Amino acid sequence: MLDQILDPSVGVNFKTPIILLVLIALEAVLSADNAVALAAIAQGLEDSQLQRKALNIGLVVAYVLRVILILTATWVIKYWQFELMGAVYLLWLVFNYFTSKSNGEKDDDSSHRRLNFTSLWQAIPMIAFTDLAFSLDSVTTSIAVADETWLILVGGTIGVITLRFLAGLFIRWLDEYVHLEDAGFITVGFVGLRLFLKVFDNHIAPPEWLMIAAIAILFSWGFSERKPQDEISDKANTEKSLVD
């Protein structure tokens, strides 16, 4: 059905907005796991204002890297080493998250923050490169849908804006829902594993529809249990006192 809609024989005036909508939808769906990872990284900064600033600056850098990736995509996809580095990085994030969690002495907010940054400029590169690792998969998908660079750039721009909005929400939700961070990092692991499998053979990698279904199921579990209200209130008061 999608192939028929995007057939080259269809007039450009009709085809272009449909392709753009497909790209926007793909970016929105595939941004959820990315947003959780970025939110968790930003939480490595104690101050909520620094967290927002890290996301803002980090995603500006990430956007520049995305544009470079899109403009060089036809060259990048020829080298499997890029996907392997992205896969290893994402799998390292997941490994670091779960091993650090298992070593935590107690399940409270102090052990909840496994990444700890002493300055804003430590978090920014990690946010930017995490988004770049995710983009290796999403840009490949965008190229398969659209062959016009400007359309992919527009879709990527909207994707970064969506990502910033979602990451801001997830910073708050991570403090409210018990399983959300675990669910997010499991999906990050899925993305890393998919990239890793694509290095060897694109046909053995799980299809996009299966990834989307898995993400939906995991996030349903992630939002299934809310933390006690007094714990959420204590966390909010602590953050407010830090700002004040």
C-alpha atoms as a PDB file:
ATOM      1  CA  MET A   1       0.000   0.000   0.000  1.00  0.00           C
ATOM      2  CA  LEU A   2       2.763   2.415   0.963  1.00  0.00           C
ATOM      3  CA  ASP A   3       4.698   1.545  -2.207  1.00  0.00           C
ATOM      4  CA  GLN A   4       1.650   2.434  -4.301  1.00  0.00           C
ATOM      5  CA  ILE A   5       1.194   5.771  -2.547  1.00  0.00           C
ATOM      6  CA  LEU A   6       4.855   6.686  -2.957  1.00  0.00           C
ATOM      7  CA  ASP A   7       5.126   5.453  -6.544  1.00  0.00           C
ATOM      8  CA  PRO A   8       7.195   7.862  -8.713  1.00  0.00           C
ATOM      9  CA  SER A   9       4.387   8.097 -11.245  1.00  0.00           C
ATOM     10  CA  VAL A  10       2.255   9.896  -8.669  1.00  0.00           C
ATOM     11  CA  GLY A  11       2.379  13.673  -9.073  1.00  0.00           C
ATOM     12  CA  VAL A  12       4.949  15.462  -6.932  1.00  0.00           C
ATOM     13  CA  ASN A  13       2.380  17.847  -5.469  1.00  0.00           C
ATOM     14  CA  PHE A  14       0.424  14.884  -4.112  1.00  0.00           C
ATOM     15  CA  LYS A  15       3.339  12.618  -3.185  1.00  0.00           C
ATOM     16  CA  THR A  16       5.543  15.107  -1.331  1.00  0.00           C
ATOM     17  CA  PRO A  17       3.255  15.923   1.638  1.00  0.00           C
ATOM     18  CA  ILE A  18       2.466  12.229   2.101  1.00  0.00           C
ATOM     19  CA  ILE A  19       6.168  11.331   2.220  1.00  0.00           C
ATOM     20  CA  LEU A  20       6.738  14.166   4.694  1.00  0.00           C
ATOM     21  CA  LEU A  21       3.922  12.919   6.931  1.00  0.00           C
ATOM     22  CA  VAL A  22       5.380   9.386   6.817  1.00  0.00           C
ATOM     23  CA  LEU A  23       8.820  10.723   7.783  1.00  0.00           C
ATOM     24  CA  ILE A  24       7.348  12.756  10.647  1.00  0.00           C
ATOM     25  CA  ALA A  25       5.392   9.725  11.889  1.00  0.00           C
ATOM     26  CA  LEU A  26       8.506   7.544  11.737  1.00  0.00           C
ATOM     27  CA  GLU A  27      10.568  10.130  13.623  1.00  0.00           C
ATOM     28  CA  ALA A  28       7.883  10.492  16.306  1.00  0.00           C
ATOM     29  CA  VAL A  29       7.504   6.736  16.842  1.00  0.00           C
ATOM     30  CA  LEU A  30      11.227   6.017  16.803  1.00  0.00           C
ATOM     31  CA  SER A  31      12.021   8.931  19.151  1.00  0.00           C
ATOM     32  CA  ALA A  32      10.493   7.426  22.304  1.00  0.00           C
ATOM     33  CA  ASP A  33      13.397   5.147  23.252  1.00  0.00           C
ATOM     34  CA  ASN A  34      15.901   7.810  22.216  1.00  0.00           C
ATOM     35  CA  ALA A  35      14.119  10.349  24.420  1.00  0.00           C
ATOM     36  CA  VAL A  36      14.296   8.085  27.481  1.00  0.00           C
ATOM     37  CA  ALA A  37      18.036   7.583  26.990  1.00  0.00           C
ATOM     38  CA  LEU A  38      18.635  11.332  26.617  1.00  0.00           C
ATOM     39  CA  ALA A  39      16.442  12.112  29.629  1.00  0.00           C
ATOM     40  CA  ALA A  40      18.358   9.595  31.748  1.00  0.00           C
ATOM     41  CA  ILE A  41      21.669  11.137  30.643  1.00  0.00           C
ATOM     42  CA  ALA A  42      20.424  14.642  31.447  1.00  0.00           C
ATOM     43  CA  GLN A  43      19.435  13.452  34.928  1.00  0.00           C
ATOM     44  CA  GLY A  44      23.136  12.964  35.609  1.00  0.00           C
ATOM     45  CA  LEU A  45      23.081  16.709  36.323  1.00  0.00           C
ATOM     46  CA  GLU A  46      21.609  17.586  39.723  1.00  0.00           C
ATOM     47  CA  ASP A  47      20.072  20.940  38.791  1.00  0.00           C
ATOM     48  CA  SER A  48      16.886  20.866  36.690  1.00  0.00           C
ATOM     49  CA  GLN A  49      17.928  24.071  34.919  1.00  0.00           C
ATOM     50  CA  LEU A  50      21.205  22.437  33.909  1.00  0.00           C
ATOM     51  CA  GLN A  51      19.274  19.414  32.689  1.00  0.00           C
ATOM     52  CA  ARG A  52      17.184  21.595  30.367  1.00  0.00           C
ATOM     53  CA  LYS A  53      20.250  23.498  29.194  1.00  0.00           C
ATOM     54  CA  ALA A  54      22.109  20.232  28.488  1.00  0.00           C
ATOM     55  CA  LEU A  55      19.206  18.962  26.396  1.00  0.00           C
ATOM     56  CA  ASN A  56      18.919  22.240  24.486  1.00  0.00           C
ATOM     57  CA  ILE A  57      22.610  22.559  23.663  1.00  0.00           C
ATOM     58  CA  GLY A  58      23.127  18.816  23.239  1.00  0.00           C
ATOM     59  CA  LEU A  59      20.311  18.537  20.720  1.00  0.00           C
ATOM     60  CA  VAL A  60      21.553  21.561  18.766  1.00  0.00           C
ATOM     61  CA  VAL A  61      24.877  19.725  18.400  1.00  0.00           C
ATOM     62  CA  ALA A  62      22.947  16.522  17.646  1.00  0.00           C
ATOM     63  CA  TYR A  63      20.990  18.330  14.919  1.00  0.00           C
ATOM     64  CA  VAL A  64      24.218  19.487  13.251  1.00  0.00           C
ATOM     65  CA  LEU A  65      25.524  15.915  13.380  1.00  0.00           C
ATOM     66  CA  ARG A  66      22.233  14.640  11.928  1.00  0.00           C
ATOM     67  CA  VAL A  67      22.448  17.065   9.011  1.00  0.00           C
ATOM     68  CA  ILE A  68      26.021  15.942   8.317  1.00  0.00           C
ATOM     69  CA  LEU A  69      24.892  12.313   8.522  1.00  0.00           C
ATOM     70  CA  ILE A  70      21.999  12.907   6.116  1.00  0.00           C
ATOM     71  CA  LEU A  71      24.188  14.779   3.618  1.00  0.00           C
ATOM     72  CA  THR A  72      26.805  12.014   3.701  1.00  0.00           C
ATOM     73  CA  ALA A  73      24.370   9.110   4.133  1.00  0.00           C
ATOM     74  CA  THR A  74      24.994   7.560   0.712  1.00  0.00           C
ATOM     75  CA  TRP A  75      28.677   7.360   1.683  1.00  0.00           C
ATOM     76  CA  VAL A  76      28.175   6.362   5.330  1.00  0.00           C
ATOM     77  CA  ILE A  77      25.911   3.381   4.562  1.00  0.00           C
ATOM     78  CA  LYS A  78      28.686   1.833   2.480  1.00  0.00           C
ATOM     79  CA  TYR A  79      30.762   1.315   5.622  1.00  0.00           C
ATOM     80  CA  TRP A  80      29.457  -1.212   8.133  1.00  0.00           C
ATOM     81  CA  GLN A  81      31.925   0.109  10.724  1.00  0.00           C
ATOM     82  CA  PHE A  82      29.684   3.131  11.426  1.00  0.00           C
ATOM     83  CA  GLU A  83      26.703   0.924  12.304  1.00  0.00           C
ATOM     84  CA  LEU A  84      28.953  -1.340  14.384  1.00  0.00           C
ATOM     85  CA  MET A  85      30.258   1.634  16.408  1.00  0.00           C
ATOM     86  CA  GLY A  86      26.689   2.904  16.919  1.00  0.00           C
ATOM     87  CA  ALA A  87      25.504  -0.556  17.986  1.00  0.00           C
ATOM     88  CA  VAL A  88      28.395  -1.058  20.423  1.00  0.00           C
ATOM     89  CA  TYR A  89      27.819   2.390  21.944  1.00  0.00           C
ATOM     90  CA  LEU A  90      24.086   1.798  22.508  1.00  0.00           C
ATOM     91  CA  LEU A  91      24.685  -1.678  23.927  1.00  0.00           C
ATOM     92  CA  TRP A  92      27.356  -0.185  26.228  1.00  0.00           C
ATOM     93  CA  LEU A  93      24.794   2.336  27.514  1.00  0.00           C
ATOM     94  CA  VAL A  94      22.398  -0.506  28.324  1.00  0.00           C
ATOM     95  CA  PHE A  95      25.124  -2.632  29.934  1.00  0.00           C
ATOM     96  CA  ASN A  96      26.314   0.314  32.026  1.00  0.00           C
ATOM     97  CA  TYR A  97      22.752   1.083  33.131  1.00  0.00           C
ATOM     98  CA  PHE A  98      21.817  -2.414  34.296  1.00  0.00           C
ATOM     99  CA  THR A  99      25.182  -3.334  35.848  1.00  0.00           C
ATOM    100  CA  SER A 100      25.303  -0.034  37.751  1.00  0.00           C
ATOM    101  CA  LYS A 101      21.745  -0.582  38.924  1.00  0.00           C
ATOM    102  CA  SER A 102      22.530  -4.058  40.213  1.00  0.00           C
ATOM    103  CA  ASN A 103      25.495  -2.647  42.140  1.00  0.00           C
ATOM    104  CA  GLY A 104      23.430   0.113  43.770  1.00  0.00           C
ATOM    105  CA  GLU A 105      23.193  -0.129  47.524  1.00  0.00           C
ATOM    106  CA  LYS A 106      19.572   0.979  47.677  1.00  0.00           C
ATOM    107  CA  ASP A 107      16.759   1.802  45.303  1.00  0.00           C
ATOM    108  CA  ASP A 108      16.408   5.531  45.910  1.00  0.00           C
ATOM    109  CA  ASP A 109      17.074   8.692  43.957  1.00  0.00           C
ATOM    110  CA  SER A 110      20.798   8.710  44.767  1.00  0.00           C
ATOM    111  CA  SER A 111      21.290   5.292  43.175  1.00  0.00           C
ATOM    112  CA  HIS A 112      18.736   6.109  40.499  1.00  0.00           C
ATOM    113  CA  ARG A 113      21.236   8.540  38.921  1.00  0.00           C
ATOM    114  CA  ARG A 114      23.872   6.215  37.531  1.00  0.00           C
ATOM    115  CA  LEU A 115      25.500   8.878  35.369  1.00  0.00           C
ATOM    116  CA  ASN A 116      26.913  11.731  37.376  1.00  0.00           C
ATOM    117  CA  PHE A 117      28.345  14.794  35.694  1.00  0.00           C
ATOM    118  CA  THR A 118      30.287  17.499  37.464  1.00  0.00           C
ATOM    119  CA  SER A 119      29.681  20.011  34.687  1.00  0.00           C
ATOM    120  CA  LEU A 120      27.267  20.775  31.871  1.00  0.00           C
ATOM    121  CA  TRP A 121      29.933  20.151  29.233  1.00  0.00           C
ATOM    122  CA  GLN A 122      30.352  16.536  30.246  1.00  0.00           C
ATOM    123  CA  ALA A 123      26.702  15.752  29.529  1.00  0.00           C
ATOM    124  CA  ILE A 124      26.382  17.614  26.208  1.00  0.00           C
ATOM    125  CA  PRO A 125      28.721  15.383  24.113  1.00  0.00           C
ATOM    126  CA  MET A 126      27.061  12.247  25.477  1.00  0.00           C
ATOM    127  CA  ILE A 127      23.598  13.554  24.555  1.00  0.00           C
ATOM    128  CA  ALA A 128      24.776  14.491  21.056  1.00  0.00           C
ATOM    129  CA  PHE A 129      26.512  11.180  20.318  1.00  0.00           C
ATOM    130  CA  THR A 130      23.667   9.115  21.754  1.00  0.00           C
ATOM    131  CA  ASP A 131      21.269  10.806  19.343  1.00  0.00           C
ATOM    132  CA  LEU A 132      23.761  10.246  16.509  1.00  0.00           C
ATOM    133  CA  ALA A 133      23.883   6.510  17.281  1.00  0.00           C
ATOM    134  CA  PHE A 134      20.080   6.342  17.108  1.00  0.00           C
ATOM    135  CA  SER A 135      20.116   8.377  13.892  1.00  0.00           C
ATOM    136  CA  LEU A 136      22.166   5.743  12.085  1.00  0.00           C
ATOM    137  CA  ASP A 137      19.060   3.565  12.018  1.00  0.00           C
ATOM    138  CA  SER A 138      16.409   6.264  11.531  1.00  0.00           C
ATOM    139  CA  VAL A 139      18.270   7.988   8.671  1.00  0.00           C
ATOM    140  CA  THR A 140      18.594   4.670   6.844  1.00  0.00           C
ATOM    141  CA  THR A 141      14.841   4.220   7.221  1.00  0.00           C
ATOM    142  CA  SER A 142      14.205   7.765   5.956  1.00  0.00           C
ATOM    143  CA  ILE A 143      16.348   7.163   2.863  1.00  0.00           C
ATOM    144  CA  ALA A 144      14.280   4.075   2.088  1.00  0.00           C
ATOM    145  CA  VAL A 145      11.097   6.180   2.219  1.00  0.00           C
ATOM    146  CA  ALA A 146      12.263   9.359   0.464  1.00  0.00           C
ATOM    147  CA  ASP A 147      14.977   9.955  -2.124  1.00  0.00           C
ATOM    148  CA  GLU A 148      14.944  13.764  -1.830  1.00  0.00           C
ATOM    149  CA  THR A 149      17.500  15.143   0.635  1.00  0.00           C
ATOM    150  CA  TRP A 150      15.470  18.222   1.562  1.00  0.00           C
ATOM    151  CA  LEU A 151      12.538  16.031   2.638  1.00  0.00           C
ATOM    152  CA  ILE A 152      14.798  13.936   4.862  1.00  0.00           C
ATOM    153  CA  LEU A 153      16.273  17.134   6.346  1.00  0.00           C
ATOM    154  CA  VAL A 154      12.791  18.486   7.110  1.00  0.00           C
ATOM    155  CA  GLY A 155      11.824  15.162   8.693  1.00  0.00           C
ATOM    156  CA  GLY A 156      15.053  15.163  10.726  1.00  0.00           C
ATOM    157  CA  THR A 157      14.446  18.752  11.881  1.00  0.00           C
ATOM    158  CA  ILE A 158      10.960  17.910  13.081  1.00  0.00           C
ATOM    159  CA  GLY A 159      12.368  14.753  14.662  1.00  0.00           C
ATOM    160  CA  VAL A 160      14.863  16.725  16.782  1.00  0.00           C
ATOM    161  CA  ILE A 161      12.138  19.158  17.889  1.00  0.00           C
ATOM    162  CA  THR A 162       9.905  16.212  18.818  1.00  0.00           C
ATOM    163  CA  LEU A 163      12.820  14.585  20.627  1.00  0.00           C
ATOM    164  CA  ARG A 164      13.456  17.706  22.738  1.00  0.00           C
ATOM    165  CA  PHE A 165       9.781  17.851  23.723  1.00  0.00           C
ATOM    166  CA  LEU A 166       9.653  14.128  24.590  1.00  0.00           C
ATOM    167  CA  ALA A 167      12.946  14.181  26.506  1.00  0.00           C
ATOM    168  CA  GLY A 168      11.654  17.070  28.637  1.00  0.00           C
ATOM    169  CA  LEU A 169       8.544  15.078  29.465  1.00  0.00           C
ATOM    170  CA  PHE A 170      10.499  11.904  30.187  1.00  0.00           C
ATOM    171  CA  ILE A 171      12.753  13.694  32.683  1.00  0.00           C
ATOM    172  CA  ARG A 172       9.610  14.286  34.754  1.00  0.00           C
ATOM    173  CA  TRP A 173       8.058  10.880  34.035  1.00  0.00           C
ATOM    174  CA  LEU A 174      11.220   8.994  35.026  1.00  0.00           C
ATOM    175  CA  ASP A 175      10.671  10.328  38.559  1.00  0.00           C
ATOM    176  CA  GLU A 176       6.995   9.326  38.524  1.00  0.00           C
ATOM    177  CA  TYR A 177       6.906   5.788  37.084  1.00  0.00           C
ATOM    178  CA  VAL A 178       8.691   2.789  38.586  1.00  0.00           C
ATOM    179  CA  HIS A 179       9.480   0.777  35.444  1.00  0.00           C
ATOM    180  CA  LEU A 180       9.787   3.502  32.816  1.00  0.00           C
ATOM    181  CA  GLU A 181      13.576   3.833  32.839  1.00  0.00           C
ATOM    182  CA  ASP A 182      14.032   0.054  32.672  1.00  0.00           C
ATOM    183  CA  ALA A 183      11.591  -0.137  29.763  1.00  0.00           C
ATOM    184  CA  GLY A 184      13.379   2.675  27.967  1.00  0.00           C
ATOM    185  CA  PHE A 185      16.811   1.096  28.262  1.00  0.00           C
ATOM    186  CA  ILE A 186      15.505  -2.306  27.148  1.00  0.00           C
ATOM    187  CA  THR A 187      14.256  -0.641  23.970  1.00  0.00           C
ATOM    188  CA  VAL A 188      17.659   1.047  23.584  1.00  0.00           C
ATOM    189  CA  GLY A 189      19.118  -2.456  23.761  1.00  0.00           C
ATOM    190  CA  PHE A 190      16.741  -3.587  21.012  1.00  0.00           C
ATOM    191  CA  VAL A 191      17.861  -0.725  18.770  1.00  0.00           C
ATOM    192  CA  GLY A 192      21.525  -1.508  19.457  1.00  0.00           C
ATOM    193  CA  LEU A 193      20.963  -5.212  18.767  1.00  0.00           C
ATOM    194  CA  ARG A 194      19.132  -4.404  15.521  1.00  0.00           C
ATOM    195  CA  LEU A 195      22.035  -2.217  14.359  1.00  0.00           C
ATOM    196  CA  PHE A 196      24.464  -4.977  15.315  1.00  0.00           C
ATOM    197  CA  LEU A 197      22.544  -7.603  13.315  1.00  0.00           C
ATOM    198  CA  LYS A 198      22.338  -5.279  10.296  1.00  0.00           C
ATOM    199  CA  VAL A 199      26.137  -5.199  10.210  1.00  0.00           C
ATOM    200  CA  PHE A 200      26.156  -8.911   9.341  1.00  0.00           C
ATOM    201  CA  ASP A 201      22.972  -9.240   7.303  1.00  0.00           C
ATOM    202  CA  ASN A 202      20.137  -6.751   6.908  1.00  0.00           C
ATOM    203  CA  HIS A 203      17.666  -9.623   6.429  1.00  0.00           C
ATOM    204  CA  ILE A 204      18.184 -11.069   9.923  1.00  0.00           C
ATOM    205  CA  ALA A 205      17.502  -7.712  11.615  1.00  0.00           C
ATOM    206  CA  PRO A 206      13.969  -7.365  13.052  1.00  0.00           C
ATOM    207  CA  PRO A 207      11.650  -5.344  10.769  1.00  0.00           C
ATOM    208  CA  GLU A 208      10.485  -1.850  11.732  1.00  0.00           C
ATOM    209  CA  TRP A 209       6.925  -2.976  12.499  1.00  0.00           C
ATOM    210  CA  LEU A 210       8.222  -5.528  15.016  1.00  0.00           C
ATOM    211  CA  MET A 211      10.422  -2.895  16.669  1.00  0.00           C
ATOM    212  CA  ILE A 212       7.476  -0.492  16.945  1.00  0.00           C
ATOM    213  CA  ALA A 213       5.281  -3.242  18.437  1.00  0.00           C
ATOM    214  CA  ALA A 214       7.992  -4.141  20.972  1.00  0.00           C
ATOM    215  CA  ILE A 215       8.464  -0.487  21.937  1.00  0.00           C
ATOM    216  CA  ALA A 216       4.702  -0.090  22.432  1.00  0.00           C
ATOM    217  CA  ILE A 217       4.526  -3.166  24.683  1.00  0.00           C
ATOM    218  CA  LEU A 218       7.552  -2.133  26.747  1.00  0.00           C
ATOM    219  CA  PHE A 219       6.305   1.410  27.245  1.00  0.00           C
ATOM    220  CA  SER A 220       2.903   0.081  28.292  1.00  0.00           C
ATOM    221  CA  TRP A 221       4.757  -1.803  31.028  1.00  0.00           C
ATOM    222  CA  GLY A 222       6.908   1.261  31.761  1.00  0.00           C
ATOM    223  CA  PHE A 223       3.835   3.380  32.509  1.00  0.00           C
ATOM    224  CA  SER A 224       2.026   0.598  34.373  1.00  0.00           C
ATOM    225  CA  GLU A 225       3.103   1.487  37.939  1.00  0.00           C
ATOM    226  CA  ARG A 226       3.298   4.960  39.413  1.00  0.00           C
ATOM    227  CA  LYS A 227       5.507   5.825  42.383  1.00  0.00           C
ATOM    228  CA  PRO A 228       3.871   6.893  45.687  1.00  0.00           C
ATOM    229  CA  GLN A 229       2.773  10.518  45.612  1.00  0.00           C
ATOM    230  CA  ASP A 230       4.819  11.443  48.692  1.00  0.00           C
ATOM    231  CA  GLU A 231       8.004  10.160  47.014  1.00  0.00           C
ATOM    232  CA  ILE A 232       7.260  12.238  43.891  1.00  0.00           C
ATOM    233  CA  SER A 233       6.540  15.306  46.054  1.00  0.00           C
ATOM    234  CA  ASP A 234       9.788  14.896  48.010  1.00  0.00           C
ATOM    235  CA  LYS A 235      11.722  14.682  44.761  1.00  0.00           C
ATOM    236  CA  ALA A 236      10.046  17.820  43.395  1.00  0.00           C
ATOM    237  CA  ASN A 237      10.732  19.751  46.601  1.00  0.00           C
ATOM    238  CA  THR A 238      14.381  18.693  46.539  1.00  0.00           C
ATOM    239  CA  GLU A 239      14.791  19.921  42.963  1.00  0.00           C
ATOM    240  CA  LYS A 240      13.048  23.194  43.807  1.00  0.00           C
ATOM    241  CA  SER A 241      15.378  23.808  46.729  1.00  0.00           C
ATOM    242  CA  LEU A 242      18.389  23.184  44.479  1.00  0.00           C
ATOM    243  CA  VAL A 243      17.109  25.760  42.002  1.00  0.00           C
ATOM    244  CA  ASP A 244      16.352  28.303  44.728  1.00  0.00           C
END
